[in-house]
Amino acid sequence: MKLTDFLPRKAIIPVLKAKDKKGAIQELVQAARKANDGEKFVVADIVEAIVAREKIGTTGVGGGVGIPHANLDGVRGIIGAFGRSPSGMDFSAVDGEKVHLIFLILAPPAKASEYKDALQKVIHALKRPNFVKFLKSARTAKDIDDIFREVEEVASV
């Protein structure tokens, strides 16, 4: 599995309009649904499930990154979205810092293994030198998609 398998260019938001965590999650869930034609879930239901999951434990992993994710009924495949918040937002991150980069990952309970693979792909990419720095400075969905593709090439070598 590659980042671009579940983070298609159509689901990349270079500048999120939202100023808070719930708004960002809603914007990203809408983008994920629009980018995945076969998905018919109700955006509000998915947003509420993710917000409830956030109350169990933050997905603000530190370093300016948030990875809201959930195994949910109603989702058919492994889907995601990515958004940037240039000014950052409170995500209750483990390091207390604002979050600028948000990776959303959704999956049905029946695809738990693929769901874990998707999370691992994001985590491995975040560990690559300059990945976060390049994403923070990217301006367009194409630039961000290119960064995802470059990190995939490096990982497959």
N, C-alpha and C. Protein backbone atom coordinates (compact mmCIF):
# COMPACT_ATOMS: atom_id res chain seq x y z
N MET A 1 0.84 -1.19 0.00
CA MET A 1 0.00 0.00 0.00
C MET A 1 0.88 1.25 0.00
N LYS A 2 0.48 2.24 -0.78
CA LYS A 2 1.19 3.50 -0.88
C LYS A 2 0.33 4.62 -0.31
N LEU A 3 0.95 5.72 0.08
CA LEU A 3 0.21 6.88 0.57
C LEU A 3 -0.85 7.32 -0.45
N THR A 4 -0.47 7.33 -1.72
CA THR A 4 -1.39 7.81 -2.75
C THR A 4 -2.54 6.83 -3.02
N ASP A 5 -2.46 5.61 -2.47
CA ASP A 5 -3.58 4.66 -2.60
C ASP A 5 -4.78 5.13 -1.78
N PHE A 6 -4.53 5.77 -0.65
CA PHE A 6 -5.64 6.21 0.20
C PHE A 6 -5.66 7.73 0.40
N LEU A 7 -4.68 8.43 -0.16
CA LEU A 7 -4.65 9.89 -0.11
C LEU A 7 -4.55 10.43 -1.54
N PRO A 8 -5.63 10.32 -2.31
CA PRO A 8 -5.58 10.79 -3.70
C PRO A 8 -5.51 12.31 -3.76
N ARG A 9 -5.01 12.82 -4.87
CA ARG A 9 -4.85 14.27 -5.03
C ARG A 9 -6.18 15.00 -4.80
N LYS A 10 -7.29 14.39 -5.22
CA LYS A 10 -8.61 15.03 -5.04
C LYS A 10 -8.98 15.20 -3.57
N ALA A 11 -8.29 14.48 -2.69
CA ALA A 11 -8.59 14.55 -1.24
C ALA A 11 -7.53 15.34 -0.48
N ILE A 12 -6.77 16.15 -1.20
CA ILE A 12 -5.74 16.98 -0.58
C ILE A 12 -6.24 18.43 -0.54
N ILE A 13 -6.21 19.01 0.66
CA ILE A 13 -6.62 20.40 0.85
C ILE A 13 -5.38 21.20 1.26
N PRO A 14 -4.82 21.97 0.33
CA PRO A 14 -3.58 22.70 0.64
C PRO A 14 -3.71 23.73 1.75
N VAL A 15 -4.90 24.34 1.88
CA VAL A 15 -5.14 25.29 2.96
C VAL A 15 -6.55 25.03 3.52
N LEU A 16 -6.58 24.45 4.71
CA LEU A 16 -7.86 24.20 5.36
C LEU A 16 -8.53 25.53 5.74
N LYS A 17 -9.84 25.60 5.57
CA LYS A 17 -10.59 26.79 6.00
C LYS A 17 -10.84 26.74 7.50
N ALA A 18 -10.99 25.53 8.03
CA ALA A 18 -11.32 25.34 9.45
C ALA A 18 -10.24 25.91 10.35
N LYS A 19 -10.68 26.37 11.51
CA LYS A 19 -9.76 26.93 12.51
C LYS A 19 -9.68 26.08 13.76
N ASP A 20 -10.50 24.99 13.82
CA ASP A 20 -10.46 24.11 14.98
C ASP A 20 -10.48 22.65 14.54
N LYS A 21 -10.22 21.76 15.50
CA LYS A 21 -10.09 20.33 15.21
C LYS A 21 -11.35 19.76 14.56
N LYS A 22 -12.52 20.01 15.15
CA LYS A 22 -13.74 19.43 14.60
C LYS A 22 -14.01 19.95 13.18
N GLY A 23 -13.80 21.23 12.96
CA GLY A 23 -13.99 21.79 11.63
C GLY A 23 -13.04 21.18 10.61
N ALA A 24 -11.78 20.97 11.02
CA ALA A 24 -10.80 20.35 10.13
C ALA A 24 -11.19 18.92 9.80
N ILE A 25 -11.63 18.19 10.81
CA ILE A 25 -12.06 16.80 10.59
C ILE A 25 -13.24 16.78 9.61
N GLN A 26 -14.20 17.69 9.80
CA GLN A 26 -15.35 17.73 8.90
C GLN A 26 -14.91 18.04 7.46
N GLU A 27 -14.04 19.00 7.30
CA GLU A 27 -13.56 19.38 5.97
C GLU A 27 -12.85 18.19 5.30
N LEU A 28 -12.04 17.47 6.07
CA LEU A 28 -11.30 16.33 5.53
C LEU A 28 -12.22 15.15 5.22
N VAL A 29 -13.21 14.89 6.07
CA VAL A 29 -14.16 13.80 5.79
C VAL A 29 -14.94 14.10 4.50
N GLN A 30 -15.34 15.36 4.33
CA GLN A 30 -16.04 15.75 3.09
C GLN A 30 -15.14 15.53 1.88
N ALA A 31 -13.88 15.91 1.99
CA ALA A 31 -12.94 15.73 0.88
C ALA A 31 -12.73 14.25 0.57
N ALA A 32 -12.63 13.43 1.61
CA ALA A 32 -12.45 11.99 1.40
C ALA A 32 -13.66 11.39 0.69
N ARG A 33 -14.84 11.81 1.09
CA ARG A 33 -16.06 11.28 0.46
C ARG A 33 -16.14 11.70 -1.00
N LYS A 34 -15.86 12.97 -1.29
CA LYS A 34 -15.91 13.47 -2.67
C LYS A 34 -14.89 12.76 -3.56
N ALA A 35 -13.73 12.44 -3.02
CA ALA A 35 -12.66 11.83 -3.80
C ALA A 35 -12.86 10.33 -4.04
N ASN A 36 -13.81 9.73 -3.32
CA ASN A 36 -14.04 8.28 -3.42
C ASN A 36 -15.48 8.03 -3.83
N ASP A 37 -15.69 7.87 -5.13
CA ASP A 37 -17.03 7.75 -5.69
C ASP A 37 -17.89 6.65 -5.07
N GLY A 38 -17.30 5.53 -4.70
CA GLY A 38 -18.07 4.42 -4.17
C GLY A 38 -18.55 4.59 -2.74
N GLU A 39 -18.08 5.62 -2.07
CA GLU A 39 -18.44 5.83 -0.66
C GLU A 39 -19.76 6.60 -0.57
N LYS A 40 -20.65 6.10 0.26
CA LYS A 40 -21.98 6.71 0.40
C LYS A 40 -22.29 7.11 1.85
N PHE A 41 -21.27 7.15 2.70
CA PHE A 41 -21.51 7.44 4.12
C PHE A 41 -22.01 8.86 4.34
N VAL A 42 -22.63 9.05 5.51
CA VAL A 42 -23.11 10.36 5.93
C VAL A 42 -21.96 11.07 6.64
N VAL A 43 -21.54 12.19 6.09
CA VAL A 43 -20.38 12.92 6.61
C VAL A 43 -20.53 13.23 8.10
N ALA A 44 -21.69 13.74 8.51
CA ALA A 44 -21.90 14.11 9.91
C ALA A 44 -21.71 12.93 10.85
N ASP A 45 -22.16 11.74 10.45
CA ASP A 45 -22.01 10.54 11.28
C ASP A 45 -20.54 10.18 11.47
N ILE A 46 -19.78 10.26 10.39
CA ILE A 46 -18.36 9.93 10.44
C ILE A 46 -17.61 10.96 11.28
N VAL A 47 -17.94 12.23 11.11
CA VAL A 47 -17.29 13.29 11.90
C VAL A 47 -17.54 13.06 13.38
N GLU A 48 -18.78 12.77 13.76
CA GLU A 48 -19.10 12.54 15.18
C GLU A 48 -18.34 11.33 15.73
N ALA A 49 -18.21 10.28 14.93
CA ALA A 49 -17.48 9.08 15.38
C ALA A 49 -16.00 9.39 15.59
N ILE A 50 -15.42 10.19 14.71
CA ILE A 50 -14.00 10.54 14.85
C ILE A 50 -13.80 11.47 16.04
N VAL A 51 -14.69 12.43 16.22
CA VAL A 51 -14.59 13.33 17.37
C VAL A 51 -14.71 12.54 18.67
N ALA A 52 -15.61 11.56 18.70
CA ALA A 52 -15.74 10.71 19.89
C ALA A 52 -14.47 9.91 20.12
N ARG A 53 -13.85 9.41 19.03
CA ARG A 53 -12.62 8.66 19.14
C ARG A 53 -11.49 9.56 19.67
N GLU A 54 -11.49 10.83 19.28
CA GLU A 54 -10.48 11.79 19.75
C GLU A 54 -10.57 12.00 21.27
N LYS A 55 -11.77 11.85 21.83
CA LYS A 55 -11.94 12.03 23.28
C LYS A 55 -11.28 10.90 24.06
N ILE A 56 -11.12 9.73 23.43
CA ILE A 56 -10.46 8.59 24.07
C ILE A 56 -8.96 8.86 24.17
N GLY A 57 -8.41 9.44 23.14
CA GLY A 57 -6.98 9.76 23.10
C GLY A 57 -6.67 10.62 21.90
N THR A 58 -5.82 11.59 22.07
CA THR A 58 -5.51 12.49 20.98
C THR A 58 -4.78 11.79 19.84
N THR A 59 -5.01 12.29 18.65
CA THR A 59 -4.26 11.81 17.49
C THR A 59 -3.28 12.88 17.03
N GLY A 60 -3.08 13.90 17.88
CA GLY A 60 -2.04 14.89 17.64
C GLY A 60 -0.73 14.26 18.08
N VAL A 61 0.03 13.73 17.11
CA VAL A 61 1.19 12.89 17.42
C VAL A 61 2.45 13.68 17.74
N GLY A 62 2.41 15.00 17.59
CA GLY A 62 3.57 15.82 17.87
C GLY A 62 4.24 16.27 16.58
N GLY A 63 5.11 17.25 16.71
CA GLY A 63 5.82 17.76 15.56
C GLY A 63 4.94 18.49 14.56
N GLY A 64 3.77 18.96 15.02
CA GLY A 64 2.87 19.69 14.14
C GLY A 64 1.97 18.81 13.29
N VAL A 65 1.85 17.52 13.68
CA VAL A 65 1.10 16.55 12.87
C VAL A 65 -0.05 15.93 13.67
N GLY A 66 -1.20 15.79 13.00
CA GLY A 66 -2.34 15.08 13.55
C GLY A 66 -2.75 13.97 12.59
N ILE A 67 -3.14 12.82 13.14
CA ILE A 67 -3.58 11.71 12.30
C ILE A 67 -4.91 11.18 12.83
N PRO A 68 -6.00 11.95 12.67
CA PRO A 68 -7.29 11.41 13.10
C PRO A 68 -7.63 10.19 12.25
N HIS A 69 -8.03 9.14 12.93
CA HIS A 69 -8.30 7.89 12.22
C HIS A 69 -9.35 7.09 12.98
N ALA A 70 -10.05 6.22 12.25
CA ALA A 70 -11.06 5.39 12.90
C ALA A 70 -11.45 4.23 12.01
N ASN A 71 -11.79 3.13 12.67
CA ASN A 71 -12.41 1.96 12.04
C ASN A 71 -13.91 2.17 12.18
N LEU A 72 -14.62 2.31 11.07
CA LEU A 72 -16.03 2.66 11.15
C LEU A 72 -16.91 1.85 10.21
N ASP A 73 -18.05 1.44 10.72
CA ASP A 73 -19.06 0.87 9.84
C ASP A 73 -19.55 2.00 8.94
N GLY A 74 -19.91 1.67 7.73
CA GLY A 74 -20.41 2.68 6.80
C GLY A 74 -19.36 3.11 5.80
N VAL A 75 -18.09 2.84 6.10
CA VAL A 75 -17.02 3.12 5.16
C VAL A 75 -16.70 1.81 4.45
N ARG A 76 -16.53 1.87 3.13
CA ARG A 76 -16.34 0.64 2.36
C ARG A 76 -14.88 0.27 2.16
N GLY A 77 -14.01 1.25 2.03
CA GLY A 77 -12.61 0.96 1.76
C GLY A 77 -11.70 1.76 2.66
N ILE A 78 -10.39 1.62 2.43
CA ILE A 78 -9.40 2.42 3.14
C ILE A 78 -9.34 3.75 2.41
N ILE A 79 -9.80 4.81 3.06
CA ILE A 79 -9.82 6.12 2.42
C ILE A 79 -9.22 7.16 3.35
N GLY A 80 -8.79 8.24 2.76
CA GLY A 80 -8.21 9.28 3.59
C GLY A 80 -8.26 10.63 2.90
N ALA A 81 -7.72 11.59 3.61
CA ALA A 81 -7.60 12.95 3.09
C ALA A 81 -6.44 13.60 3.85
N PHE A 82 -5.91 14.65 3.25
CA PHE A 82 -4.82 15.38 3.87
C PHE A 82 -5.12 16.87 3.80
N GLY A 83 -4.82 17.58 4.88
CA GLY A 83 -5.01 19.03 4.88
C GLY A 83 -3.90 19.74 5.62
N ARG A 84 -3.65 20.97 5.19
CA ARG A 84 -2.65 21.83 5.83
C ARG A 84 -3.35 23.01 6.48
N SER A 85 -2.88 23.35 7.66
CA SER A 85 -3.34 24.54 8.36
C SER A 85 -2.12 25.42 8.59
N PRO A 86 -1.88 26.39 7.68
CA PRO A 86 -0.68 27.21 7.80
C PRO A 86 -0.52 27.88 9.17
N SER A 87 -1.61 28.33 9.77
CA SER A 87 -1.51 28.98 11.08
C SER A 87 -1.52 27.98 12.23
N GLY A 88 -1.90 26.74 11.95
CA GLY A 88 -1.94 25.70 12.98
C GLY A 88 -3.21 25.77 13.80
N MET A 89 -3.50 24.68 14.49
CA MET A 89 -4.69 24.62 15.35
C MET A 89 -4.43 23.70 16.52
N ASP A 90 -5.21 23.92 17.58
CA ASP A 90 -5.09 23.08 18.77
C ASP A 90 -5.67 21.71 18.45
N PHE A 91 -4.88 20.69 18.65
CA PHE A 91 -5.31 19.31 18.39
C PHE A 91 -5.05 18.46 19.63
N SER A 92 -4.81 19.12 20.75
CA SER A 92 -4.43 18.43 22.00
C SER A 92 -3.24 17.50 21.75
N ALA A 93 -2.29 17.98 20.97
CA ALA A 93 -1.14 17.16 20.60
C ALA A 93 -0.32 16.78 21.82
N VAL A 94 0.36 15.64 21.73
CA VAL A 94 1.13 15.13 22.86
C VAL A 94 2.24 16.08 23.27
N ASP A 95 2.76 16.89 22.33
CA ASP A 95 3.82 17.83 22.67
C ASP A 95 3.29 19.24 22.97
N GLY A 96 1.94 19.40 22.93
CA GLY A 96 1.33 20.69 23.23
C GLY A 96 1.42 21.70 22.10
N GLU A 97 2.05 21.34 20.99
CA GLU A 97 2.22 22.25 19.86
C GLU A 97 0.98 22.26 18.97
N LYS A 98 0.83 23.34 18.20
CA LYS A 98 -0.26 23.41 17.23
C LYS A 98 0.00 22.41 16.10
N VAL A 99 -1.08 21.93 15.51
CA VAL A 99 -0.99 20.99 14.40
C VAL A 99 -1.17 21.76 13.08
N HIS A 100 -0.27 21.49 12.14
CA HIS A 100 -0.30 22.13 10.83
C HIS A 100 -0.64 21.14 9.72
N LEU A 101 -0.32 19.87 9.91
CA LEU A 101 -0.52 18.83 8.90
C LEU A 101 -1.44 17.76 9.46
N ILE A 102 -2.53 17.49 8.72
CA ILE A 102 -3.52 16.53 9.22
C ILE A 102 -3.76 15.45 8.18
N PHE A 103 -3.52 14.21 8.58
CA PHE A 103 -3.76 13.03 7.75
C PHE A 103 -4.98 12.32 8.32
N LEU A 104 -6.06 12.24 7.55
CA LEU A 104 -7.27 11.54 7.98
C LEU A 104 -7.26 10.14 7.35
N ILE A 105 -7.53 9.11 8.16
CA ILE A 105 -7.60 7.74 7.64
C ILE A 105 -8.86 7.09 8.19
N LEU A 106 -9.67 6.54 7.27
CA LEU A 106 -10.90 5.85 7.62
C LEU A 106 -10.89 4.46 7.00
N ALA A 107 -11.47 3.50 7.72
CA ALA A 107 -11.53 2.14 7.21
C ALA A 107 -12.68 1.39 7.87
N PRO A 108 -13.23 0.39 7.17
CA PRO A 108 -14.25 -0.45 7.80
C PRO A 108 -13.58 -1.46 8.75
N PRO A 109 -14.29 -1.92 9.77
CA PRO A 109 -13.71 -2.88 10.71
C PRO A 109 -13.18 -4.15 10.03
N ALA A 110 -13.77 -4.54 8.91
CA ALA A 110 -13.34 -5.76 8.21
C ALA A 110 -11.96 -5.62 7.56
N LYS A 111 -11.46 -4.39 7.46
CA LYS A 111 -10.16 -4.18 6.82
C LYS A 111 -9.13 -3.67 7.84
N ALA A 112 -9.12 -4.30 9.01
CA ALA A 112 -8.24 -3.85 10.09
C ALA A 112 -6.76 -3.93 9.71
N SER A 113 -6.37 -4.94 8.99
CA SER A 113 -4.97 -5.10 8.60
C SER A 113 -4.53 -3.99 7.65
N GLU A 114 -5.35 -3.70 6.64
CA GLU A 114 -5.04 -2.64 5.69
C GLU A 114 -5.04 -1.27 6.38
N TYR A 115 -5.95 -1.11 7.34
CA TYR A 115 -6.04 0.12 8.13
C TYR A 115 -4.72 0.35 8.88
N LYS A 116 -4.20 -0.70 9.51
CA LYS A 116 -2.92 -0.58 10.21
C LYS A 116 -1.80 -0.27 9.24
N ASP A 117 -1.84 -0.89 8.05
CA ASP A 117 -0.83 -0.61 7.02
C ASP A 117 -0.85 0.87 6.63
N ALA A 118 -2.05 1.43 6.46
CA ALA A 118 -2.18 2.84 6.08
C ALA A 118 -1.58 3.74 7.17
N LEU A 119 -1.90 3.45 8.43
CA LEU A 119 -1.32 4.22 9.54
C LEU A 119 0.20 4.12 9.54
N GLN A 120 0.70 2.91 9.32
CA GLN A 120 2.15 2.69 9.30
C GLN A 120 2.81 3.48 8.17
N LYS A 121 2.16 3.55 7.00
CA LYS A 121 2.71 4.31 5.87
C LYS A 121 2.89 5.78 6.24
N VAL A 122 1.88 6.33 6.89
CA VAL A 122 1.97 7.74 7.30
C VAL A 122 3.09 7.91 8.32
N ILE A 123 3.14 7.06 9.32
CA ILE A 123 4.15 7.17 10.37
C ILE A 123 5.56 7.02 9.80
N HIS A 124 5.75 6.06 8.90
CA HIS A 124 7.07 5.89 8.27
C HIS A 124 7.45 7.13 7.44
N ALA A 125 6.49 7.67 6.70
CA ALA A 125 6.76 8.86 5.89
C ALA A 125 7.16 10.03 6.79
N LEU A 126 6.49 10.17 7.94
CA LEU A 126 6.79 11.27 8.86
C LEU A 126 8.22 11.19 9.40
N LYS A 127 8.77 10.01 9.42
CA LYS A 127 10.14 9.82 9.93
C LYS A 127 11.20 10.13 8.86
N ARG A 128 10.79 10.28 7.61
CA ARG A 128 11.73 10.57 6.53
C ARG A 128 12.27 12.00 6.68
N PRO A 129 13.56 12.18 6.41
CA PRO A 129 14.14 13.52 6.51
C PRO A 129 13.39 14.52 5.62
N ASN A 130 13.08 15.65 6.17
CA ASN A 130 12.47 16.79 5.46
C ASN A 130 11.03 16.60 5.00
N PHE A 131 10.42 15.46 5.20
CA PHE A 131 9.05 15.22 4.73
C PHE A 131 8.09 16.26 5.31
N VAL A 132 8.11 16.44 6.62
CA VAL A 132 7.22 17.40 7.29
C VAL A 132 7.54 18.83 6.83
N LYS A 133 8.81 19.15 6.77
CA LYS A 133 9.23 20.50 6.34
C LYS A 133 8.72 20.79 4.93
N PHE A 134 8.87 19.83 4.02
CA PHE A 134 8.41 20.03 2.64
C PHE A 134 6.89 20.18 2.58
N LEU A 135 6.16 19.36 3.36
CA LEU A 135 4.70 19.47 3.36
C LEU A 135 4.24 20.82 3.91
N LYS A 136 4.92 21.32 4.93
CA LYS A 136 4.54 22.61 5.50
C LYS A 136 4.75 23.75 4.51
N SER A 137 5.71 23.61 3.61
CA SER A 137 5.99 24.69 2.66
C SER A 137 5.30 24.49 1.31
N ALA A 138 4.69 23.34 1.07
CA ALA A 138 4.00 23.09 -0.20
C ALA A 138 2.81 24.04 -0.34
N ARG A 139 2.52 24.41 -1.57
CA ARG A 139 1.45 25.38 -1.80
C ARG A 139 0.20 24.81 -2.47
N THR A 140 0.37 23.77 -3.28
CA THR A 140 -0.77 23.25 -4.05
C THR A 140 -0.98 21.77 -3.78
N ALA A 141 -2.15 21.26 -4.16
CA ALA A 141 -2.43 19.83 -4.03
C ALA A 141 -1.43 19.03 -4.86
N LYS A 142 -1.06 19.55 -6.03
CA LYS A 142 -0.08 18.85 -6.87
C LYS A 142 1.27 18.77 -6.15
N ASP A 143 1.71 19.88 -5.53
CA ASP A 143 2.98 19.87 -4.80
C ASP A 143 2.95 18.81 -3.69
N ILE A 144 1.86 18.75 -2.97
CA ILE A 144 1.72 17.80 -1.87
C ILE A 144 1.70 16.37 -2.41
N ASP A 145 0.94 16.14 -3.47
CA ASP A 145 0.89 14.82 -4.10
C ASP A 145 2.29 14.41 -4.58
N ASP A 146 3.03 15.34 -5.14
CA ASP A 146 4.40 15.05 -5.59
C ASP A 146 5.29 14.65 -4.42
N ILE A 147 5.13 15.30 -3.28
CA ILE A 147 5.90 14.96 -2.08
C ILE A 147 5.54 13.54 -1.62
N PHE A 148 4.25 13.21 -1.63
CA PHE A 148 3.82 11.85 -1.28
C PHE A 148 4.47 10.83 -2.21
N ARG A 149 4.47 11.12 -3.50
CA ARG A 149 5.04 10.20 -4.49
C ARG A 149 6.56 10.07 -4.31
N GLU A 150 7.23 11.15 -4.02
CA GLU A 150 8.68 11.10 -3.80
C GLU A 150 9.03 10.23 -2.60
N VAL A 151 8.29 10.37 -1.52
CA VAL A 151 8.58 9.58 -0.33
C VAL A 151 8.29 8.10 -0.59
N GLU A 152 7.31 7.81 -1.44
CA GLU A 152 7.03 6.42 -1.83
C GLU A 152 8.19 5.83 -2.63
N GLU A 153 8.74 6.64 -3.55
CA GLU A 153 9.87 6.17 -4.35
C GLU A 153 11.08 5.85 -3.48
N VAL A 154 11.36 6.73 -2.54
CA VAL A 154 12.50 6.53 -1.64
C VAL A 154 12.28 5.28 -0.78
N ALA A 155 11.04 5.09 -0.33
CA ALA A 155 10.72 3.95 0.53
C ALA A 155 10.82 2.63 -0.23
N SER A 156 10.57 2.65 -1.54
CA SER A 156 10.56 1.39 -2.29
C SER A 156 11.93 1.01 -2.83
N VAL A 157 12.92 1.91 -2.66
CA VAL A 157 14.26 1.62 -3.17
C VAL A 157 14.98 0.66 -2.25
